[in-house]
Protein backbone atom coordinates (compact mmCIF):
# COMPACT_ATOMS: atom_id res chain seq x y z
CA MET A 1 -1.34 17.09 10.91
CA THR A 2 1.79 15.47 12.27
CA ARG A 3 2.14 12.00 13.68
CA LEU A 4 2.08 13.39 17.21
CA ASP A 5 -1.31 15.09 16.75
CA GLU A 6 -3.30 11.93 16.17
CA ASP A 7 -4.22 9.12 18.53
CA ILE A 8 -3.07 5.60 17.78
CA ARG A 9 -5.85 3.51 16.29
CA LEU A 10 -6.61 0.52 18.51
CA HIS A 11 -8.80 -2.59 18.44
CA ARG A 12 -11.38 -3.18 21.15
CA ASP A 13 -8.95 -5.44 23.00
CA GLY A 14 -6.38 -2.62 23.16
CA SER A 15 -3.95 -3.91 20.52
CA ILE A 16 -2.74 -1.63 17.72
CA ASP A 17 -4.64 -1.90 14.42
CA TYR A 18 -1.68 -2.93 12.25
CA ALA A 19 -3.82 -3.66 9.17
CA TYR A 20 -5.00 -0.04 9.14
CA TYR A 21 -1.45 1.34 9.30
CA LEU A 22 -0.13 -1.12 6.70
CA GLN A 23 -2.87 -0.11 4.24
CA ARG A 24 -2.31 3.56 4.98
CA GLY A 25 1.43 3.17 4.27
CA ARG A 26 0.71 1.40 0.98
CA VAL A 27 -1.57 4.20 -0.14
CA MET A 28 0.97 6.87 0.81
CA ARG A 29 3.79 5.05 -1.03
CA SER A 30 1.61 4.63 -4.10
CA GLU A 31 0.72 8.33 -4.15
CA GLN A 32 4.38 9.29 -3.78
CA ALA A 33 5.41 6.94 -6.59
CA HIS A 34 2.77 8.44 -8.87
CA ARG A 35 3.99 11.97 -8.07
CA LEU A 36 7.62 11.03 -8.73
CA PHE A 37 6.77 9.22 -11.96
CA ARG A 38 4.79 12.22 -13.25
CA LYS A 39 7.80 14.46 -12.62
CA ALA A 40 10.25 12.03 -14.25
CA THR A 41 8.37 11.45 -17.48
CA VAL A 42 8.97 13.69 -20.46
CA PRO A 43 6.09 14.20 -22.87
CA ALA A 44 6.58 12.66 -26.31
CA PRO A 45 7.51 15.10 -29.08
CA ARG A 46 4.57 16.20 -31.18
CA TRP A 47 5.09 16.20 -34.92
CA SER A 48 3.04 18.35 -37.20
CA LEU A 49 2.74 18.15 -40.98
CA ARG A 50 4.77 21.34 -41.26
CA ASP A 51 7.65 19.70 -39.37
CA LEU A 52 7.51 16.64 -41.59
CA TRP A 53 7.33 18.77 -44.76
CA ALA A 54 10.46 20.67 -43.66
CA VAL A 55 12.38 17.38 -43.49
CA PHE A 56 11.05 16.00 -46.79
CA PRO A 57 13.22 18.10 -49.21
CA ARG A 58 16.38 16.70 -47.59
CA PHE A 59 15.36 13.18 -48.54
CA ALA A 60 14.18 14.13 -52.04
CA SER A 61 17.49 15.60 -53.14
């Protein structure tokens, strides 16, 4: 749905419901920030005992 497809939300006195649109914008920005942060983060490297054992002989000699 685009912005042109929906009616503007109004109060009973005919004024625009700004609180509704402010909250809606906050939610949309939060969702976008979460999506961008998920894409930007790199998972931490996982070390196994085999990887650590492969490094150990270098330190022992």
